[in-house]
Amino acid sequence: MPTDTQFLDSIAAVIGADAVLTGAAAAPYGKDWRGRYASEALAVVFPADTQQVSPVGRNNQRALRRMRNS
């Protein structure tokens, strides 16, 4: 099973490393507008166009399948 780093690298290879936020940079995106709920995401990604959205979605699906099968 790929590590988190391998998973993020595969996404960055498609959309560029500058469009992938992790750690403290991603933290503000894990809060709702009222400040009641918070989450910690592995990453926040910003695809530039629809050509980048589909590969990111496929990477997510593959990772979920691997997690379920392990």
Protein backbone atom coordinates (compact mmCIF):
# COMPACT_ATOMS: atom_id res chain seq x y z
CA MET A 1 0.00 0.00 0.00
CA PRO A 2 1.37 3.44 -0.87
CA THR A 3 2.36 5.78 1.90
CA ASP A 4 0.82 9.21 2.37
CA THR A 5 3.91 10.72 0.79
CA GLN A 6 3.61 8.50 -2.30
CA PHE A 7 -0.09 9.34 -2.57
CA LEU A 8 0.57 13.08 -2.35
CA ASP A 9 3.47 12.82 -4.80
CA SER A 10 1.18 11.11 -7.31
CA ILE A 11 -1.31 13.98 -7.03
CA ALA A 12 1.44 16.62 -7.22
CA ALA A 13 2.74 14.95 -10.38
CA VAL A 14 -0.62 15.65 -12.02
CA ILE A 15 -1.47 19.14 -10.74
CA GLY A 16 1.89 20.49 -9.57
CA ALA A 17 3.32 20.67 -6.06
CA ASP A 18 2.31 24.32 -5.69
CA ALA A 19 -1.37 23.27 -5.96
CA VAL A 20 -1.16 20.81 -3.03
CA LEU A 21 -1.31 22.14 0.52
CA THR A 22 -0.41 19.97 3.51
CA GLY A 23 0.13 20.41 7.23
CA ALA A 24 -0.28 23.91 8.62
CA ALA A 25 -0.95 25.34 5.15
CA ALA A 26 -4.03 23.08 4.80
CA ALA A 27 -5.30 23.64 8.36
CA PRO A 28 -7.49 26.71 7.66
CA TYR A 29 -9.49 24.70 5.12
CA GLY A 30 -10.52 22.18 7.79
CA LYS A 31 -12.86 24.55 9.62
CA ASP A 32 -16.47 25.37 8.89
CA TRP A 33 -17.51 28.98 8.52
CA ARG A 34 -19.02 29.10 12.02
CA GLY A 35 -15.94 27.66 13.69
CA ARG A 36 -17.93 24.82 15.29
CA TYR A 37 -16.39 21.91 13.43
CA ALA A 38 -12.82 21.17 12.52
CA SER A 39 -11.08 18.36 10.70
CA GLU A 40 -7.54 17.53 9.75
CA ALA A 41 -7.12 16.74 6.06
CA LEU A 42 -4.11 15.00 4.64
CA ALA A 43 -4.07 17.65 1.91
CA VAL A 44 -6.05 20.32 0.13
CA VAL A 45 -5.69 20.31 -3.64
CA PHE A 46 -6.43 23.02 -6.19
CA PRO A 47 -6.75 21.57 -9.69
CA ALA A 48 -6.43 24.28 -12.31
CA ASP A 49 -8.98 22.79 -14.72
CA THR A 50 -11.21 19.81 -15.39
CA GLN A 51 -8.32 17.97 -17.05
CA GLN A 52 -6.66 17.81 -13.62
CA VAL A 53 -9.77 16.93 -11.61
CA SER A 54 -10.30 13.50 -13.14
CA PRO A 55 -6.79 12.11 -12.43
CA VAL A 56 -6.95 13.39 -8.84
CA GLY A 57 -10.28 11.60 -8.39
CA ARG A 58 -8.84 8.39 -9.85
CA ASN A 59 -5.90 8.56 -7.44
CA ASN A 60 -8.35 8.92 -4.55
CA GLN A 61 -10.40 5.93 -5.72
CA ARG A 62 -7.30 3.75 -6.06
CA ALA A 63 -6.13 4.70 -2.57
CA LEU A 64 -9.56 3.90 -1.08
CA ARG A 65 -9.63 0.49 -2.80
CA ARG A 66 -6.17 -0.34 -1.48
CA MET A 67 -7.20 0.63 2.05
CA ARG A 68 -10.31 -1.55 1.88
CA ASN A 69 -8.40 -4.53 0.52
CA SER A 70 -5.60 -4.42 3.05
